[in-house]
């Protein structure tokens, strides 16, 4: 029997065994939130246990194929993909509210206007109820009404490639600080914008700092 044929049979057998013993892929679910600068939302949620990926984009407006330079009434948003065996929608919404200023209806931190307003998008009635519960709980904690709206399903438009994972990109860019990496530019922007300072001012010990991977 030709060796090539035997090798083919052997490899086929290995693949068959591997297919039998390989664990099933965990189901992934998603939520879409608007929390001001999408670079910052990505940076925070990439550190949350159960989150398997984040994608920056635009949503909440009417125009098709929005871009960074022309996105009409769309907000900057992030799609957060997560493993429901590790975390859930309600938990993630609670964390989200603790990464933003949910008392500000006009934008976030130094970024003003519609593009930077906050919102939580619920895909169905169950998610809407969970989001409302999280908002009500946050309102009780702060003793003030939360202005971040809970809205319905939305079309998600992925942002340009250079916006994805901007906060850790080592590509150089020209800024007012000189030529530095995008990651360094992000840090300087976030600090100058006062995002973390304001979140700590509002939430105190409950502020989610996005420093360490949260444990399930």
N, C-alpha and C. Protein backbone atom coordinates (compact mmCIF):
# COMPACT_ATOMS: atom_id res chain seq x y z
N UNK A 1 0.86 -1.20 0.00
CA UNK A 1 0.00 0.00 0.00
C UNK A 1 0.89 1.24 0.00
N UNK A 2 0.66 2.22 -0.87
CA UNK A 2 1.51 3.40 -0.94
C UNK A 2 1.58 4.14 0.39
N UNK A 3 2.76 4.66 0.72
CA UNK A 3 2.94 5.37 1.98
C UNK A 3 2.08 6.61 2.05
N UNK A 4 1.91 7.30 0.91
CA UNK A 4 1.09 8.51 0.91
C UNK A 4 -0.35 8.20 1.29
N UNK A 5 -0.85 7.04 0.85
CA UNK A 5 -2.22 6.65 1.17
C UNK A 5 -2.34 6.33 2.66
N UNK A 6 -1.31 5.63 3.20
CA UNK A 6 -1.32 5.30 4.62
C UNK A 6 -1.27 6.57 5.47
N UNK A 7 -0.45 7.53 5.01
CA UNK A 7 -0.35 8.80 5.73
C UNK A 7 -1.69 9.54 5.72
N UNK A 8 -2.37 9.50 4.58
CA UNK A 8 -3.68 10.14 4.48
C UNK A 8 -4.67 9.51 5.44
N UNK A 9 -4.66 8.15 5.51
CA UNK A 9 -5.56 7.46 6.43
C UNK A 9 -5.25 7.82 7.88
N UNK A 10 -3.93 7.87 8.20
CA UNK A 10 -3.53 8.18 9.57
C UNK A 10 -3.97 9.58 9.96
N UNK A 11 -3.74 10.55 9.07
CA UNK A 11 -4.14 11.91 9.36
C UNK A 11 -5.64 12.04 9.50
N UNK A 12 -6.37 11.34 8.62
CA UNK A 12 -7.83 11.38 8.69
C UNK A 12 -8.31 10.83 10.02
N UNK A 13 -7.65 9.76 10.48
CA UNK A 13 -8.02 9.18 11.76
C UNK A 13 -7.77 10.13 12.91
N UNK A 14 -6.63 10.83 12.85
CA UNK A 14 -6.32 11.80 13.90
C UNK A 14 -7.34 12.93 13.94
N UNK A 15 -7.70 13.43 12.74
CA UNK A 15 -8.67 14.52 12.68
C UNK A 15 -10.02 14.06 13.20
N UNK A 16 -10.38 12.79 12.91
CA UNK A 16 -11.67 12.27 13.37
C UNK A 16 -11.70 12.19 14.88
N UNK A 17 -10.56 11.68 15.47
CA UNK A 17 -10.49 11.59 16.92
C UNK A 17 -10.53 12.98 17.54
N UNK A 18 -9.78 13.92 16.95
CA UNK A 18 -9.75 15.29 17.48
C UNK A 18 -11.13 15.91 17.46
N UNK A 19 -11.88 15.64 16.38
CA UNK A 19 -13.23 16.20 16.27
C UNK A 19 -14.13 15.65 17.35
N UNK A 20 -13.90 14.38 17.75
CA UNK A 20 -14.74 13.76 18.76
C UNK A 20 -14.45 14.29 20.15
N UNK A 21 -13.16 14.60 20.42
CA UNK A 21 -12.79 14.99 21.78
C UNK A 21 -12.74 16.50 21.96
N UNK A 22 -12.76 17.28 20.86
CA UNK A 22 -12.67 18.73 20.97
C UNK A 22 -13.90 19.28 21.68
N UNK A 23 -13.70 20.16 22.68
CA UNK A 23 -14.84 20.73 23.38
C UNK A 23 -15.65 21.66 22.49
N UNK A 24 -16.94 21.72 22.74
CA UNK A 24 -17.79 22.61 21.96
C UNK A 24 -17.43 24.06 22.27
N UNK A 25 -17.51 24.92 21.27
CA UNK A 25 -17.22 26.32 21.47
C UNK A 25 -18.33 26.97 22.29
N UNK A 26 -17.91 27.80 23.26
CA UNK A 26 -18.88 28.47 24.11
C UNK A 26 -19.67 29.49 23.28
N UNK A 27 -20.93 29.61 23.59
CA UNK A 27 -21.76 30.60 22.92
C UNK A 27 -21.30 32.01 23.30
N UNK A 28 -21.27 32.90 22.35
CA UNK A 28 -20.89 34.28 22.62
C UNK A 28 -22.09 35.19 22.42
N UNK A 29 -22.29 36.11 23.34
CA UNK A 29 -23.35 37.10 23.23
C UNK A 29 -22.72 38.49 23.21
N UNK A 30 -23.54 39.47 22.90
CA UNK A 30 -23.01 40.83 22.74
C UNK A 30 -23.93 41.87 23.35
N UNK A 31 -23.36 42.99 23.72
CA UNK A 31 -24.14 44.17 24.05
C UNK A 31 -23.46 45.37 23.41
N UNK A 32 -24.26 46.38 23.10
CA UNK A 32 -23.74 47.59 22.49
C UNK A 32 -24.02 48.76 23.43
N UNK A 33 -22.96 49.50 23.76
CA UNK A 33 -23.10 50.64 24.66
C UNK A 33 -22.37 51.85 24.08
N UNK A 34 -22.86 53.02 24.41
CA UNK A 34 -22.21 54.28 24.06
C UNK A 34 -21.74 54.91 25.36
N UNK A 35 -20.43 55.14 25.45
CA UNK A 35 -19.86 55.66 26.69
C UNK A 35 -18.84 56.74 26.47
N UNK A 36 -19.11 57.61 25.48
CA UNK A 36 -18.11 58.60 25.14
C UNK A 36 -17.09 58.00 24.19
N UNK A 37 -15.85 58.39 24.32
CA UNK A 37 -14.78 57.92 23.45
C UNK A 37 -14.72 56.39 23.40
N UNK A 38 -14.86 55.83 22.20
CA UNK A 38 -14.90 54.37 22.12
C UNK A 38 -13.55 53.72 22.42
N UNK A 39 -12.45 54.45 22.27
CA UNK A 39 -11.14 53.90 22.66
C UNK A 39 -11.16 53.55 24.16
N UNK A 40 -11.74 54.45 24.95
CA UNK A 40 -11.74 54.27 26.41
C UNK A 40 -12.64 53.12 26.83
N UNK A 41 -13.80 53.00 26.18
CA UNK A 41 -14.71 51.90 26.51
C UNK A 41 -14.05 50.56 26.18
N UNK A 42 -13.39 50.49 25.03
CA UNK A 42 -12.65 49.27 24.68
C UNK A 42 -11.61 48.95 25.74
N UNK A 43 -10.81 49.94 26.11
CA UNK A 43 -9.74 49.72 27.07
C UNK A 43 -10.26 49.21 28.40
N UNK A 44 -11.40 49.74 28.85
CA UNK A 44 -11.99 49.28 30.11
C UNK A 44 -12.51 47.85 30.00
N UNK A 45 -13.25 47.56 28.96
CA UNK A 45 -13.94 46.27 28.90
C UNK A 45 -13.05 45.12 28.45
N UNK A 46 -11.95 45.40 27.82
CA UNK A 46 -11.02 44.32 27.49
C UNK A 46 -10.43 43.69 28.75
N UNK A 47 -10.58 44.37 29.88
CA UNK A 47 -10.03 43.89 31.15
C UNK A 47 -11.07 43.21 32.04
N UNK A 48 -12.28 43.09 31.55
CA UNK A 48 -13.36 42.51 32.35
C UNK A 48 -13.46 41.00 32.11
N UNK A 49 -13.53 40.23 33.17
CA UNK A 49 -13.65 38.78 33.05
C UNK A 49 -14.89 38.40 32.26
N UNK A 50 -14.72 37.48 31.33
CA UNK A 50 -15.85 37.02 30.52
C UNK A 50 -15.97 37.74 29.20
N UNK A 51 -15.33 38.89 29.07
CA UNK A 51 -15.35 39.62 27.80
C UNK A 51 -14.31 38.99 26.87
N UNK A 52 -14.76 38.59 25.70
CA UNK A 52 -13.86 37.91 24.76
C UNK A 52 -13.43 38.82 23.60
N UNK A 53 -14.04 39.99 23.50
CA UNK A 53 -13.64 40.91 22.44
C UNK A 53 -14.45 42.18 22.48
N UNK A 54 -13.87 43.27 21.96
CA UNK A 54 -14.58 44.54 21.85
C UNK A 54 -14.32 45.12 20.46
N UNK A 55 -15.33 45.80 19.92
CA UNK A 55 -15.21 46.39 18.59
C UNK A 55 -15.80 47.81 18.65
N UNK A 56 -15.01 48.79 18.23
CA UNK A 56 -15.49 50.17 18.18
C UNK A 56 -16.36 50.39 16.95
N UNK A 57 -17.37 51.23 17.10
CA UNK A 57 -18.25 51.48 15.96
C UNK A 57 -19.14 52.69 16.17
N UNK A 58 -20.19 52.75 15.36
CA UNK A 58 -21.15 53.85 15.40
C UNK A 58 -22.56 53.27 15.41
N UNK A 59 -23.46 53.93 16.12
CA UNK A 59 -24.85 53.46 16.17
C UNK A 59 -25.74 54.58 16.70
N UNK A 60 -27.03 54.41 16.48
CA UNK A 60 -27.99 55.35 17.04
C UNK A 60 -28.42 56.46 16.11
N UNK A 61 -27.85 56.49 14.90
CA UNK A 61 -28.23 57.51 13.93
C UNK A 61 -29.01 56.90 12.78
N UNK A 62 -29.16 57.65 11.70
CA UNK A 62 -29.97 57.19 10.58
C UNK A 62 -29.15 56.84 9.34
N UNK A 63 -28.01 57.45 9.15
CA UNK A 63 -27.27 57.29 7.90
C UNK A 63 -26.57 55.93 7.82
N UNK A 64 -26.43 55.43 6.61
CA UNK A 64 -25.71 54.18 6.36
C UNK A 64 -24.22 54.48 6.19
N UNK A 65 -23.42 53.47 6.51
CA UNK A 65 -21.98 53.53 6.32
C UNK A 65 -21.34 54.79 6.91
N UNK A 66 -21.60 55.08 8.18
CA UNK A 66 -20.99 56.25 8.80
C UNK A 66 -19.48 56.10 8.90
N UNK A 67 -18.80 57.23 8.95
CA UNK A 67 -17.35 57.25 9.14
C UNK A 67 -17.02 58.19 10.29
N UNK A 68 -15.77 58.18 10.71
CA UNK A 68 -15.36 59.05 11.81
C UNK A 68 -15.56 60.52 11.44
N UNK A 69 -15.30 60.85 10.19
CA UNK A 69 -15.43 62.23 9.74
C UNK A 69 -16.87 62.61 9.44
N UNK A 70 -17.69 61.62 9.15
CA UNK A 70 -19.09 61.90 8.78
C UNK A 70 -19.98 60.77 9.30
N UNK A 71 -20.48 60.96 10.53
CA UNK A 71 -21.36 59.93 11.10
C UNK A 71 -22.70 60.48 11.55
N UNK A 72 -23.01 61.70 11.10
CA UNK A 72 -24.34 62.23 11.35
C UNK A 72 -24.74 62.20 12.81
N UNK A 73 -25.89 61.58 13.09
CA UNK A 73 -26.41 61.51 14.47
C UNK A 73 -25.99 60.23 15.19
N UNK A 74 -25.11 59.47 14.60
CA UNK A 74 -24.62 58.28 15.28
C UNK A 74 -23.75 58.66 16.48
N UNK A 75 -23.79 57.83 17.50
CA UNK A 75 -22.87 57.96 18.63
C UNK A 75 -21.67 57.03 18.42
N UNK A 76 -20.58 57.32 19.10
CA UNK A 76 -19.49 56.36 19.19
C UNK A 76 -19.95 55.26 20.15
N UNK A 77 -19.86 54.02 19.72
CA UNK A 77 -20.30 52.90 20.54
C UNK A 77 -19.25 51.79 20.51
N UNK A 78 -19.43 50.83 21.41
CA UNK A 78 -18.59 49.63 21.41
C UNK A 78 -19.49 48.41 21.53
N UNK A 79 -19.22 47.43 20.67
CA UNK A 79 -19.88 46.13 20.81
C UNK A 79 -18.99 45.27 21.68
N UNK A 80 -19.57 44.81 22.78
CA UNK A 80 -18.83 44.00 23.74
C UNK A 80 -19.29 42.55 23.61
N UNK A 81 -18.41 41.68 23.19
CA UNK A 81 -18.72 40.26 23.05
C UNK A 81 -18.29 39.53 24.31
N UNK A 82 -19.18 38.70 24.86
CA UNK A 82 -18.86 38.06 26.14
C UNK A 82 -19.32 36.61 26.18
N UNK A 83 -18.72 35.88 27.09
CA UNK A 83 -19.04 34.47 27.32
C UNK A 83 -20.07 34.40 28.44
N UNK A 84 -21.31 34.01 28.15
CA UNK A 84 -22.36 34.01 29.17
C UNK A 84 -22.17 32.96 30.26
N UNK A 85 -21.21 32.05 30.09
CA UNK A 85 -20.91 31.10 31.16
C UNK A 85 -20.02 31.73 32.23
N UNK A 86 -19.47 32.92 31.91
CA UNK A 86 -18.58 33.61 32.84
C UNK A 86 -19.23 34.87 33.42
N UNK A 87 -19.96 35.62 32.60
CA UNK A 87 -20.61 36.84 33.05
C UNK A 87 -21.96 36.96 32.35
N UNK A 88 -22.69 38.03 32.64
CA UNK A 88 -24.00 38.20 32.01
C UNK A 88 -24.27 39.67 31.69
N UNK A 89 -25.33 39.88 30.95
CA UNK A 89 -25.68 41.21 30.47
C UNK A 89 -25.87 42.20 31.63
N UNK A 90 -26.60 41.78 32.65
CA UNK A 90 -26.88 42.64 33.79
C UNK A 90 -25.59 43.07 34.49
N UNK A 91 -24.68 42.15 34.69
CA UNK A 91 -23.41 42.46 35.33
C UNK A 91 -22.61 43.46 34.50
N UNK A 92 -22.56 43.24 33.20
CA UNK A 92 -21.78 44.11 32.33
C UNK A 92 -22.36 45.52 32.26
N UNK A 93 -23.68 45.63 32.28
CA UNK A 93 -24.30 46.96 32.29
C UNK A 93 -23.95 47.68 33.59
N UNK A 94 -23.96 46.95 34.70
CA UNK A 94 -23.58 47.55 35.98
C UNK A 94 -22.15 48.06 35.97
N UNK A 95 -21.24 47.28 35.38
CA UNK A 95 -19.85 47.72 35.25
C UNK A 95 -19.77 48.94 34.34
N UNK A 96 -20.48 48.88 33.21
CA UNK A 96 -20.46 49.99 32.25
C UNK A 96 -20.82 51.31 32.92
N UNK A 97 -21.88 51.32 33.70
CA UNK A 97 -22.32 52.55 34.36
C UNK A 97 -21.25 53.10 35.29
N UNK A 98 -20.39 52.23 35.80
CA UNK A 98 -19.33 52.63 36.72
C UNK A 98 -18.03 52.99 35.99
N UNK A 99 -18.08 53.04 34.66
CA UNK A 99 -16.93 53.49 33.87
C UNK A 99 -17.22 54.84 33.21
N UNK A 100 -18.41 55.38 33.42
CA UNK A 100 -18.82 56.61 32.75
C UNK A 100 -19.39 57.60 33.77
N UNK A 101 -19.76 58.77 33.27
CA UNK A 101 -20.51 59.75 34.06
C UNK A 101 -21.96 59.65 33.61
N UNK A 102 -22.78 58.86 34.31
CA UNK A 102 -24.18 58.67 33.88
C UNK A 102 -25.09 59.81 34.29
N UNK A 103 -24.49 60.88 34.82
CA UNK A 103 -25.26 62.05 35.21
C UNK A 103 -25.17 63.16 34.17
N UNK A 104 -24.37 62.93 33.12
CA UNK A 104 -24.09 63.95 32.11
C UNK A 104 -24.84 63.61 30.82
N UNK A 105 -25.79 64.45 30.44
CA UNK A 105 -26.60 64.20 29.25
C UNK A 105 -26.02 64.87 28.00
N UNK A 106 -24.94 65.63 28.15
CA UNK A 106 -24.43 66.40 27.02
C UNK A 106 -23.16 65.89 26.39
N UNK A 107 -22.71 64.72 26.81
CA UNK A 107 -21.46 64.16 26.31
C UNK A 107 -20.75 63.45 27.44
N UNK A 108 -19.45 63.28 27.31
CA UNK A 108 -18.68 62.64 28.35
C UNK A 108 -17.35 63.36 28.53
N UNK A 109 -17.16 63.86 29.77
CA UNK A 109 -15.89 64.46 30.15
C UNK A 109 -15.56 65.64 29.22
N UNK A 110 -14.41 65.65 28.56
CA UNK A 110 -14.08 66.80 27.71
C UNK A 110 -14.72 66.71 26.33
N UNK A 111 -15.34 65.58 26.01
CA UNK A 111 -15.96 65.39 24.69
C UNK A 111 -17.45 65.71 24.78
N UNK A 112 -17.89 66.67 23.99
CA UNK A 112 -19.25 67.15 24.08
C UNK A 112 -20.03 66.87 22.81
N UNK A 113 -21.35 66.80 22.93
CA UNK A 113 -22.20 66.64 21.77
C UNK A 113 -22.72 65.23 21.60
N UNK A 114 -23.60 65.08 20.61
CA UNK A 114 -24.31 63.83 20.35
C UNK A 114 -23.37 62.63 20.20
N UNK A 115 -22.24 62.80 19.53
CA UNK A 115 -21.34 61.68 19.28
C UNK A 115 -20.88 61.00 20.57
N UNK A 116 -20.84 61.78 21.66
CA UNK A 116 -20.27 61.27 22.90
C UNK A 116 -21.31 61.08 24.00
N UNK A 117 -22.57 61.17 23.66
CA UNK A 117 -23.60 60.89 24.65
C UNK A 117 -23.61 59.41 24.99
N UNK A 118 -24.11 59.08 26.18
CA UNK A 118 -24.14 57.68 26.62
C UNK A 118 -25.48 57.03 26.28
N UNK A 119 -25.46 55.72 26.16
CA UNK A 119 -26.68 54.95 25.91
C UNK A 119 -26.38 53.47 26.12
N UNK A 120 -27.43 52.73 26.44
CA UNK A 120 -27.37 51.27 26.55
C UNK A 120 -28.38 50.72 25.57
N UNK A 121 -27.96 49.84 24.68
CA UNK A 121 -28.87 49.26 23.70
C UNK A 121 -29.24 47.84 24.11
N UNK A 122 -30.53 47.59 24.21
CA UNK A 122 -31.04 46.27 24.57
C UNK A 122 -31.61 45.58 23.34
N UNK A 123 -31.22 44.33 23.13
CA UNK A 123 -31.64 43.60 21.93
C UNK A 123 -33.04 43.03 22.06
N UNK A 124 -33.51 42.83 23.30
CA UNK A 124 -34.84 42.25 23.50
C UNK A 124 -35.40 42.70 24.84
N UNK A 125 -36.60 42.22 25.16
CA UNK A 125 -37.27 42.66 26.39
C UNK A 125 -36.51 42.24 27.65
N UNK A 126 -35.90 41.06 27.62
CA UNK A 126 -35.15 40.58 28.79
C UNK A 126 -33.95 41.48 29.06
N UNK A 127 -33.23 41.85 28.00
CA UNK A 127 -32.09 42.74 28.17
C UNK A 127 -32.55 44.13 28.61
N UNK A 128 -33.67 44.60 28.06
CA UNK A 128 -34.19 45.91 28.46
C UNK A 128 -34.50 45.93 29.95
N UNK A 129 -35.14 44.86 30.45
CA UNK A 129 -35.48 44.79 31.86
C UNK A 129 -34.22 44.76 32.72
N UNK A 130 -33.22 43.98 32.29
CA UNK A 130 -31.97 43.89 33.03
C UNK A 130 -31.26 45.23 33.07
N UNK A 131 -31.26 45.94 31.93
CA UNK A 131 -30.61 47.25 31.87
C UNK A 131 -31.32 48.26 32.76
N UNK A 132 -32.65 48.24 32.75
CA UNK A 132 -33.41 49.16 33.59
C UNK A 132 -33.13 48.88 35.06
N UNK A 133 -33.03 47.61 35.43
CA UNK A 133 -32.71 47.25 36.82
C UNK A 133 -31.33 47.79 37.20
N UNK A 134 -30.37 47.66 36.29
CA UNK A 134 -29.02 48.15 36.57
C UNK A 134 -29.02 49.67 36.71
N UNK A 135 -29.77 50.35 35.87
CA UNK A 135 -29.85 51.81 35.94
C UNK A 135 -30.52 52.25 37.24
N UNK A 136 -31.60 51.59 37.61
CA UNK A 136 -32.30 51.94 38.86
C UNK A 136 -31.41 51.71 40.08
N UNK A 137 -30.66 50.61 40.04
CA UNK A 137 -29.76 50.31 41.15
C UNK A 137 -28.67 51.37 41.25
N UNK A 138 -28.13 51.78 40.11
CA UNK A 138 -27.09 52.81 40.08
C UNK A 138 -27.64 54.14 40.58
N UNK A 139 -28.88 54.45 40.22
CA UNK A 139 -29.51 55.69 40.67
C UNK A 139 -29.66 55.71 42.19
N UNK A 140 -30.00 54.57 42.75
CA UNK A 140 -30.13 54.47 44.20
C UNK A 140 -28.78 54.66 44.89
N UNK A 141 -27.73 54.07 44.30
CA UNK A 141 -26.39 54.20 44.87
C UNK A 141 -25.95 55.66 44.87
N UNK A 142 -26.19 56.36 43.76
CA UNK A 142 -25.74 57.74 43.62
C UNK A 142 -26.69 58.75 44.24
N UNK A 143 -27.94 58.33 44.45
CA UNK A 143 -28.93 59.24 44.99
C UNK A 143 -29.33 60.32 44.00
N UNK A 144 -29.15 60.03 42.71
CA UNK A 144 -29.49 60.98 41.65
C UNK A 144 -30.03 60.21 40.45
N UNK A 145 -30.84 60.85 39.63
CA UNK A 145 -31.35 60.17 38.44
C UNK A 145 -30.25 59.95 37.40
N UNK A 146 -30.25 58.77 36.81
CA UNK A 146 -29.32 58.43 35.74
C UNK A 146 -29.90 58.93 34.42
N UNK A 147 -29.11 59.64 33.63
CA UNK A 147 -29.62 60.18 32.36
C UNK A 147 -29.25 59.29 31.18
N UNK A 148 -28.44 58.27 31.39
CA UNK A 148 -28.09 57.33 30.32
C UNK A 148 -29.34 56.55 29.91
N UNK A 149 -29.81 56.69 28.68
CA UNK A 149 -31.05 56.02 28.28
C UNK A 149 -30.84 54.55 27.95
N UNK A 150 -31.89 53.78 28.16
CA UNK A 150 -31.93 52.38 27.69
C UNK A 150 -32.74 52.39 26.41
N UNK A 151 -32.10 52.05 25.30
CA UNK A 151 -32.76 52.08 24.00
C UNK A 151 -32.84 50.67 23.42
N UNK A 152 -33.57 50.54 22.33
CA UNK A 152 -33.81 49.24 21.73
C UNK A 152 -32.69 48.77 20.81
N UNK A 153 -32.98 47.72 20.03
CA UNK A 153 -31.98 47.17 19.10
C UNK A 153 -31.48 48.24 18.15
N UNK A 154 -30.25 48.08 17.72
CA UNK A 154 -29.63 49.10 16.89
C UNK A 154 -28.74 48.45 15.84
N UNK A 155 -28.62 49.10 14.70
CA UNK A 155 -27.67 48.64 13.69
C UNK A 155 -26.28 49.12 14.09
N UNK A 156 -25.34 48.19 14.17
CA UNK A 156 -23.98 48.49 14.57
C UNK A 156 -23.11 48.60 13.32
N UNK A 157 -22.45 49.74 13.19
CA UNK A 157 -21.53 49.96 12.07
C UNK A 157 -20.11 49.97 12.61
N UNK A 158 -19.28 49.06 12.15
CA UNK A 158 -17.92 48.98 12.65
C UNK A 158 -17.09 50.18 12.21
N UNK A 159 -16.32 50.73 13.15
CA UNK A 159 -15.47 51.88 12.85
C UNK A 159 -14.25 51.46 12.04
N UNK A 160 -13.54 52.43 11.55
CA UNK A 160 -12.35 52.20 10.75
C UNK A 160 -11.32 51.37 11.52
N UNK A 161 -10.50 50.65 10.78
CA UNK A 161 -9.53 49.73 11.38
C UNK A 161 -8.62 50.43 12.38
N UNK A 162 -8.21 51.66 12.09
CA UNK A 162 -7.23 52.31 12.98
C UNK A 162 -7.82 52.66 14.35
N UNK A 163 -9.15 52.63 14.47
CA UNK A 163 -9.77 52.88 15.77
C UNK A 163 -9.78 51.62 16.64
N UNK A 164 -9.68 50.45 16.04
CA UNK A 164 -9.77 49.21 16.81
C UNK A 164 -8.48 49.03 17.64
N UNK A 165 -8.67 48.77 18.94
CA UNK A 165 -7.52 48.58 19.84
C UNK A 165 -6.55 49.75 19.80
N UNK A 166 -7.08 50.94 19.58
CA UNK A 166 -6.23 52.13 19.49
C UNK A 166 -5.38 52.28 20.74
N UNK A 167 -5.96 51.95 21.89
CA UNK A 167 -5.30 52.19 23.16
C UNK A 167 -4.03 51.37 23.37
N UNK A 168 -3.81 50.35 22.55
CA UNK A 168 -2.59 49.56 22.70
C UNK A 168 -1.78 49.48 21.40
N UNK A 169 -2.14 50.29 20.42
CA UNK A 169 -1.43 50.28 19.14
C UNK A 169 -0.04 50.93 19.28
N UNK A 170 0.96 50.27 18.69
CA UNK A 170 2.32 50.80 18.73
C UNK A 170 2.67 51.58 17.47
N UNK A 171 1.67 51.82 16.63
CA UNK A 171 1.91 52.62 15.43
C UNK A 171 2.10 54.08 15.82
N UNK A 172 3.04 54.74 15.18
CA UNK A 172 3.35 56.14 15.50
C UNK A 172 2.33 57.08 14.87
N UNK A 173 2.09 58.18 15.57
CA UNK A 173 1.14 59.18 15.08
C UNK A 173 1.64 60.56 15.51
N UNK A 174 1.39 61.57 14.68
CA UNK A 174 1.80 62.93 15.01
C UNK A 174 0.73 63.59 15.87
N UNK A 175 1.10 64.08 17.04
CA UNK A 175 0.18 64.74 17.96
C UNK A 175 0.80 66.06 18.41
N UNK A 176 0.07 66.79 19.23
CA UNK A 176 0.62 68.04 19.77
C UNK A 176 1.76 67.77 20.74
N UNK A 177 1.90 66.49 21.14
CA UNK A 177 3.01 66.10 22.01
C UNK A 177 4.22 65.63 21.19
N UNK A 178 4.09 65.68 19.87
CA UNK A 178 5.15 65.18 19.00
C UNK A 178 4.74 63.85 18.39
N UNK A 179 5.70 63.14 17.81
CA UNK A 179 5.43 61.83 17.23
C UNK A 179 5.56 60.78 18.32
N UNK A 180 4.44 60.15 18.64
CA UNK A 180 4.40 59.13 19.68
C UNK A 180 3.51 57.99 19.20
N UNK A 181 3.49 56.90 19.95
CA UNK A 181 2.63 55.79 19.56
C UNK A 181 1.18 56.14 19.86
N UNK A 182 0.27 55.46 19.18
CA UNK A 182 -1.16 55.68 19.47
C UNK A 182 -1.47 55.32 20.92
N UNK A 183 -0.82 54.30 21.43
CA UNK A 183 -1.04 53.91 22.82
C UNK A 183 -0.67 55.05 23.77
N UNK A 184 0.46 55.70 23.53
CA UNK A 184 0.86 56.83 24.36
C UNK A 184 -0.07 58.02 24.17
N UNK A 185 -0.50 58.23 22.92
CA UNK A 185 -1.44 59.33 22.65
C UNK A 185 -2.75 59.10 23.38
N UNK A 186 -3.20 57.85 23.42
CA UNK A 186 -4.43 57.52 24.13
C UNK A 186 -4.31 57.85 25.62
N UNK A 187 -3.20 57.45 26.23
CA UNK A 187 -3.01 57.69 27.66
C UNK A 187 -3.03 59.19 27.95
N UNK A 188 -2.33 59.96 27.12
CA UNK A 188 -2.29 61.41 27.32
C UNK A 188 -3.67 62.03 27.13
N UNK A 189 -4.41 61.55 26.12
CA UNK A 189 -5.76 62.06 25.88
C UNK A 189 -6.66 61.76 27.08
N UNK A 190 -6.64 60.50 27.54
CA UNK A 190 -7.53 60.10 28.63
C UNK A 190 -7.24 60.90 29.90
N UNK A 191 -5.96 61.10 30.17
CA UNK A 191 -5.58 61.86 31.35
C UNK A 191 -6.01 63.31 31.22
N UNK A 192 -5.74 63.92 30.06
CA UNK A 192 -6.10 65.32 29.86
C UNK A 192 -7.60 65.54 29.88
N UNK A 193 -8.35 64.54 29.45
CA UNK A 193 -9.81 64.66 29.40
C UNK A 193 -10.45 64.52 30.78
N UNK A 194 -9.70 64.01 31.75
CA UNK A 194 -10.21 63.90 33.12
C UNK A 194 -11.21 62.77 33.33
N UNK A 195 -11.18 61.76 32.46
CA UNK A 195 -12.17 60.69 32.54
C UNK A 195 -12.10 59.94 33.88
N UNK A 196 -10.94 59.45 34.22
CA UNK A 196 -10.83 58.64 35.44
C UNK A 196 -11.07 59.46 36.69
N UNK A 197 -10.61 60.70 36.68
CA UNK A 197 -10.82 61.57 37.84
C UNK A 197 -12.31 61.79 38.09
N UNK A 198 -13.06 62.05 37.04
CA UNK A 198 -14.50 62.30 37.18
C UNK A 198 -15.24 61.03 37.60
N UNK A 199 -14.87 59.89 37.03
CA UNK A 199 -15.53 58.63 37.41
C UNK A 199 -15.30 58.34 38.89
N UNK A 200 -14.08 58.58 39.38
CA UNK A 200 -13.80 58.36 40.81
C UNK A 200 -14.57 59.34 41.67
N UNK A 201 -14.71 60.57 41.18
CA UNK A 201 -15.46 61.58 41.93
C UNK A 201 -16.92 61.17 42.10
N UNK A 202 -17.50 60.59 41.06
CA UNK A 202 -18.91 60.19 41.10
C UNK A 202 -19.11 58.90 41.90
N UNK A 203 -18.29 57.91 41.58
CA UNK A 203 -18.53 56.55 42.07
C UNK A 203 -17.72 56.15 43.30
N UNK A 204 -16.69 56.91 43.63
CA UNK A 204 -15.88 56.56 44.79
C UNK A 204 -15.28 55.17 44.64
N UNK A 205 -15.43 54.34 45.69
CA UNK A 205 -14.85 53.00 45.68
C UNK A 205 -15.51 52.08 44.66
N UNK A 206 -16.70 52.45 44.18
CA UNK A 206 -17.38 51.60 43.19
C UNK A 206 -16.92 51.88 41.76
N UNK A 207 -16.11 52.90 41.56
CA UNK A 207 -15.63 53.21 40.22
C UNK A 207 -14.85 52.03 39.67
N UNK A 208 -15.17 51.65 38.43
CA UNK A 208 -14.42 50.57 37.80
C UNK A 208 -13.21 51.19 37.11
N UNK A 209 -12.03 50.83 37.58
CA UNK A 209 -10.81 51.48 37.11
C UNK A 209 -10.26 50.85 35.84
N UNK A 210 -10.68 49.64 35.53
CA UNK A 210 -10.15 48.99 34.34
C UNK A 210 -8.68 48.66 34.43
N UNK A 211 -8.20 48.42 35.65
CA UNK A 211 -6.78 48.16 35.86
C UNK A 211 -6.46 46.68 35.85
N UNK A 212 -7.29 45.90 36.52
CA UNK A 212 -7.03 44.47 36.63
C UNK A 212 -8.20 43.68 36.07
N UNK A 213 -7.91 42.50 35.58
CA UNK A 213 -8.96 41.61 35.08
C UNK A 213 -9.85 41.24 36.25
N UNK A 214 -11.14 41.51 36.16
CA UNK A 214 -12.04 41.17 37.24
C UNK A 214 -12.24 39.67 37.29
N UNK A 215 -12.38 39.17 38.49
CA UNK A 215 -12.57 37.73 38.68
C UNK A 215 -14.04 37.36 38.65
N UNK A 216 -14.36 36.20 38.10
CA UNK A 216 -15.75 35.77 38.06
C UNK A 216 -16.17 35.23 39.41
